[in-house]
Structure formats: structure tokens, C-alpha cells
Amino acid sequence: MTEHEPRPDERAAREMERDVEQLEERTARLEADIEHAREDWEAKKRDPAVPGAAGDPERAQGGPPPGQRYPTKGDESA
């Protein structure tokens, strides 16, 4: 090992510090994404033009429930 070459434990410590910095950056981006999604959802809930956002699931689905649209195999009523 030369004078300028860091010891293995120093290299490991630097690598861990870089990992911590990267995780902190990702955390900050994720928190920003979550906040943006929350604000977007709240805006959609206030907008009556957005089907389903204000608690009208029938309007959001655009028709009858899936079980009514697609009868099961062997269903004689179809």
C-alpha cells in the first residue's frame, strides 16, 4: 500500500458516504413526487369534470360493472 492509497476501511467509509448521499437525493425526489401527486389528486377531486375523482364511481367506470358486461362461460342468459 502506498502513502496516497486509502486504506480499505477508508475506501469503504467513502463509498458508504456516497451511498447515503444518493439515498438522501432519491428520498428528496420521491417526497417531491408524492407531494405533486397529492396536489394533483386534490385538484382533480375539486374538478367536477374529472369522473370518479369526486366520489362518483359509476360515472368513472363508464357503464355497468364488469360482471354485467361479460357473462361467465355457460351462462345461458347471454
N, C-alpha and C. Protein backbone atom coordinates (compact mmCIF):
# COMPACT_ATOMS: atom_id res chain seq x y z
N MET A 1 0.86 -1.17 0.00
CA MET A 1 0.00 0.00 0.00
C MET A 1 0.91 1.24 0.00
N THR A 2 0.59 2.20 -0.84
CA THR A 2 1.38 3.43 -0.93
C THR A 2 0.83 4.47 0.02
N GLU A 3 1.60 5.57 0.16
CA GLU A 3 1.16 6.65 1.05
C GLU A 3 -0.17 7.27 0.64
N HIS A 4 -0.40 7.40 -0.66
CA HIS A 4 -1.58 8.11 -1.16
C HIS A 4 -2.80 7.21 -1.35
N GLU A 5 -2.59 5.92 -1.29
CA GLU A 5 -3.70 4.99 -1.47
C GLU A 5 -4.47 4.86 -0.16
N PRO A 6 -5.79 5.09 -0.19
CA PRO A 6 -6.57 5.00 1.06
C PRO A 6 -6.65 3.54 1.53
N ARG A 7 -6.74 3.37 2.82
CA ARG A 7 -6.89 2.04 3.39
C ARG A 7 -8.26 1.49 3.01
N PRO A 8 -8.40 0.16 3.04
CA PRO A 8 -9.69 -0.43 2.68
C PRO A 8 -10.85 0.10 3.51
N ASP A 9 -10.63 0.34 4.80
CA ASP A 9 -11.72 0.86 5.63
C ASP A 9 -12.07 2.30 5.25
N GLU A 10 -11.08 3.08 4.84
CA GLU A 10 -11.35 4.44 4.38
C GLU A 10 -12.13 4.43 3.07
N ARG A 11 -11.76 3.52 2.18
CA ARG A 11 -12.50 3.38 0.90
C ARG A 11 -13.94 2.98 1.17
N ALA A 12 -14.12 2.02 2.06
CA ALA A 12 -15.48 1.58 2.40
C ALA A 12 -16.28 2.71 3.01
N ALA A 13 -15.67 3.50 3.88
CA ALA A 13 -16.37 4.62 4.51
C ALA A 13 -16.78 5.65 3.47
N ARG A 14 -15.89 5.96 2.52
CA ARG A 14 -16.23 6.92 1.47
C ARG A 14 -17.36 6.40 0.59
N GLU A 15 -17.30 5.09 0.28
CA GLU A 15 -18.36 4.51 -0.54
C GLU A 15 -19.71 4.57 0.19
N MET A 16 -19.70 4.30 1.49
CA MET A 16 -20.94 4.38 2.27
C MET A 16 -21.46 5.81 2.33
N GLU A 17 -20.57 6.77 2.44
CA GLU A 17 -21.00 8.17 2.45
C GLU A 17 -21.64 8.55 1.11
N ARG A 18 -21.07 8.08 0.02
CA ARG A 18 -21.67 8.33 -1.30
C ARG A 18 -23.05 7.68 -1.38
N ASP A 19 -23.15 6.45 -0.87
CA ASP A 19 -24.45 5.76 -0.88
C ASP A 19 -25.49 6.54 -0.09
N VAL A 20 -25.10 7.05 1.06
CA VAL A 20 -26.02 7.82 1.90
C VAL A 20 -26.47 9.07 1.15
N GLU A 21 -25.54 9.76 0.50
CA GLU A 21 -25.90 10.97 -0.26
C GLU A 21 -26.87 10.64 -1.38
N GLN A 22 -26.63 9.53 -2.09
CA GLN A 22 -27.53 9.13 -3.17
C GLN A 22 -28.92 8.80 -2.63
N LEU A 23 -28.97 8.09 -1.50
CA LEU A 23 -30.27 7.76 -0.91
C LEU A 23 -31.01 9.00 -0.45
N GLU A 24 -30.28 9.96 0.09
CA GLU A 24 -30.93 11.22 0.52
C GLU A 24 -31.49 11.97 -0.69
N GLU A 25 -30.75 11.97 -1.80
CA GLU A 25 -31.24 12.64 -3.01
C GLU A 25 -32.49 11.94 -3.54
N ARG A 26 -32.46 10.61 -3.56
CA ARG A 26 -33.64 9.86 -4.03
C ARG A 26 -34.84 10.10 -3.13
N THR A 27 -34.59 10.15 -1.83
CA THR A 27 -35.67 10.41 -0.88
C THR A 27 -36.30 11.77 -1.13
N ALA A 28 -35.47 12.77 -1.36
CA ALA A 28 -35.99 14.12 -1.62
C ALA A 28 -36.81 14.13 -2.91
N ARG A 29 -36.34 13.45 -3.95
CA ARG A 29 -37.10 13.40 -5.21
C ARG A 29 -38.42 12.67 -5.02
N LEU A 30 -38.39 11.57 -4.28
CA LEU A 30 -39.61 10.80 -4.03
C LEU A 30 -40.61 11.62 -3.24
N GLU A 31 -40.14 12.33 -2.22
CA GLU A 31 -41.04 13.19 -1.44
C GLU A 31 -41.67 14.26 -2.32
N ALA A 32 -40.89 14.83 -3.23
CA ALA A 32 -41.43 15.84 -4.15
C ALA A 32 -42.47 15.22 -5.08
N ASP A 33 -42.19 14.00 -5.57
CA ASP A 33 -43.15 13.31 -6.44
C ASP A 33 -44.45 13.02 -5.71
N ILE A 34 -44.34 12.59 -4.46
CA ILE A 34 -45.54 12.30 -3.66
C ILE A 34 -46.35 13.57 -3.44
N GLU A 35 -45.68 14.64 -3.11
CA GLU A 35 -46.38 15.91 -2.88
C GLU A 35 -47.07 16.38 -4.16
N HIS A 36 -46.40 16.23 -5.30
CA HIS A 36 -47.00 16.61 -6.58
C HIS A 36 -48.24 15.76 -6.87
N ALA A 37 -48.13 14.46 -6.63
CA ALA A 37 -49.27 13.57 -6.86
C ALA A 37 -50.43 13.93 -5.93
N ARG A 38 -50.13 14.26 -4.68
CA ARG A 38 -51.17 14.64 -3.72
C ARG A 38 -51.88 15.91 -4.19
N GLU A 39 -51.09 16.91 -4.60
CA GLU A 39 -51.69 18.17 -5.06
C GLU A 39 -52.53 17.94 -6.32
N ASP A 40 -52.04 17.09 -7.22
CA ASP A 40 -52.77 16.78 -8.45
C ASP A 40 -54.10 16.09 -8.12
N TRP A 41 -54.06 15.14 -7.19
CA TRP A 41 -55.28 14.43 -6.82
C TRP A 41 -56.29 15.37 -6.16
N GLU A 42 -55.81 16.22 -5.28
CA GLU A 42 -56.71 17.17 -4.62
C GLU A 42 -57.35 18.10 -5.65
N ALA A 43 -56.59 18.54 -6.64
CA ALA A 43 -57.14 19.40 -7.69
C ALA A 43 -58.19 18.64 -8.50
N LYS A 44 -57.93 17.37 -8.79
CA LYS A 44 -58.89 16.57 -9.56
C LYS A 44 -60.17 16.33 -8.76
N LYS A 45 -60.04 16.15 -7.45
CA LYS A 45 -61.24 15.94 -6.63
C LYS A 45 -62.12 17.19 -6.63
N ARG A 46 -61.52 18.37 -6.78
CA ARG A 46 -62.30 19.61 -6.81
C ARG A 46 -62.90 19.89 -8.20
N ASP A 47 -62.42 19.18 -9.23
CA ASP A 47 -62.86 19.44 -10.60
C ASP A 47 -64.00 18.49 -10.96
N PRO A 48 -65.22 19.01 -11.13
CA PRO A 48 -66.35 18.14 -11.45
C PRO A 48 -66.23 17.48 -12.82
N ALA A 49 -65.34 17.94 -13.66
CA ALA A 49 -65.17 17.35 -14.99
C ALA A 49 -64.34 16.06 -14.95
N VAL A 50 -63.75 15.73 -13.81
CA VAL A 50 -62.93 14.52 -13.70
C VAL A 50 -63.81 13.41 -13.12
N PRO A 51 -64.23 12.45 -13.95
CA PRO A 51 -65.13 11.40 -13.47
C PRO A 51 -64.46 10.52 -12.43
N GLY A 52 -65.18 10.25 -11.35
CA GLY A 52 -64.70 9.37 -10.31
C GLY A 52 -63.89 10.04 -9.23
N ALA A 53 -63.28 11.14 -9.52
CA ALA A 53 -62.42 11.80 -8.53
C ALA A 53 -63.23 12.38 -7.38
N ALA A 54 -64.46 12.78 -7.66
CA ALA A 54 -65.28 13.40 -6.62
C ALA A 54 -66.22 12.39 -5.96
N GLY A 55 -65.96 11.11 -6.15
CA GLY A 55 -66.75 10.09 -5.47
C GLY A 55 -67.94 9.58 -6.26
N ASP A 56 -67.88 9.62 -7.59
CA ASP A 56 -68.95 9.10 -8.43
C ASP A 56 -68.40 7.92 -9.23
N PRO A 57 -68.22 6.75 -8.59
CA PRO A 57 -67.57 5.62 -9.26
C PRO A 57 -68.33 5.09 -10.48
N GLU A 58 -69.67 5.18 -10.48
CA GLU A 58 -70.41 4.70 -11.65
C GLU A 58 -70.08 5.52 -12.88
N ARG A 59 -69.96 6.82 -12.70
CA ARG A 59 -69.60 7.69 -13.82
C ARG A 59 -68.16 7.41 -14.27
N ALA A 60 -67.29 7.10 -13.34
CA ALA A 60 -65.89 6.84 -13.66
C ALA A 60 -65.73 5.54 -14.44
N GLN A 61 -66.53 4.53 -14.13
CA GLN A 61 -66.42 3.25 -14.81
C GLN A 61 -66.94 3.33 -16.24
N GLY A 62 -67.84 4.22 -16.49
CA GLY A 62 -68.36 4.38 -17.83
C GLY A 62 -69.38 3.33 -18.23
N GLY A 63 -70.06 2.74 -17.30
CA GLY A 63 -71.07 1.77 -17.64
C GLY A 63 -71.31 0.79 -16.52
N PRO A 64 -71.93 -0.34 -16.86
CA PRO A 64 -72.24 -1.33 -15.85
C PRO A 64 -70.97 -1.98 -15.31
N PRO A 65 -71.03 -2.59 -14.12
CA PRO A 65 -69.87 -3.29 -13.58
C PRO A 65 -69.39 -4.39 -14.53
N PRO A 66 -68.13 -4.76 -14.48
CA PRO A 66 -67.58 -5.75 -15.41
C PRO A 66 -68.34 -7.07 -15.42
N GLY A 67 -68.84 -7.52 -14.29
CA GLY A 67 -69.59 -8.78 -14.24
C GLY A 67 -70.86 -8.74 -15.07
N GLN A 68 -71.43 -7.57 -15.26
CA GLN A 68 -72.65 -7.44 -16.05
C GLN A 68 -72.32 -7.35 -17.54
N ARG A 69 -71.17 -6.85 -17.85
CA ARG A 69 -70.80 -6.69 -19.25
C ARG A 69 -70.34 -7.99 -19.88
N TYR A 70 -69.67 -8.83 -19.09
CA TYR A 70 -69.07 -10.05 -19.62
C TYR A 70 -69.62 -11.25 -18.85
N PRO A 71 -70.63 -11.90 -19.38
CA PRO A 71 -71.20 -13.06 -18.69
C PRO A 71 -70.16 -14.19 -18.62
N THR A 72 -70.29 -15.02 -17.60
CA THR A 72 -69.36 -16.13 -17.43
C THR A 72 -69.69 -17.23 -18.43
N LYS A 73 -68.74 -18.14 -18.63
CA LYS A 73 -68.95 -19.27 -19.54
C LYS A 73 -70.12 -20.12 -19.03
N GLY A 74 -70.91 -20.58 -19.91
CA GLY A 74 -72.03 -21.42 -19.53
C GLY A 74 -73.24 -20.66 -19.04
N ASP A 75 -73.18 -19.35 -19.08
CA ASP A 75 -74.31 -18.52 -18.64
C ASP A 75 -75.34 -18.53 -19.76
N GLU A 76 -76.45 -19.13 -19.54
CA GLU A 76 -77.49 -19.29 -20.55
C GLU A 76 -78.19 -17.97 -20.90
N SER A 77 -78.10 -16.96 -20.03
CA SER A 77 -78.82 -15.72 -20.26
C SER A 77 -78.11 -14.81 -21.24
N ALA A 78 -76.91 -15.14 -21.65
CA ALA A 78 -76.14 -14.25 -22.52
C ALA A 78 -76.58 -14.32 -23.95
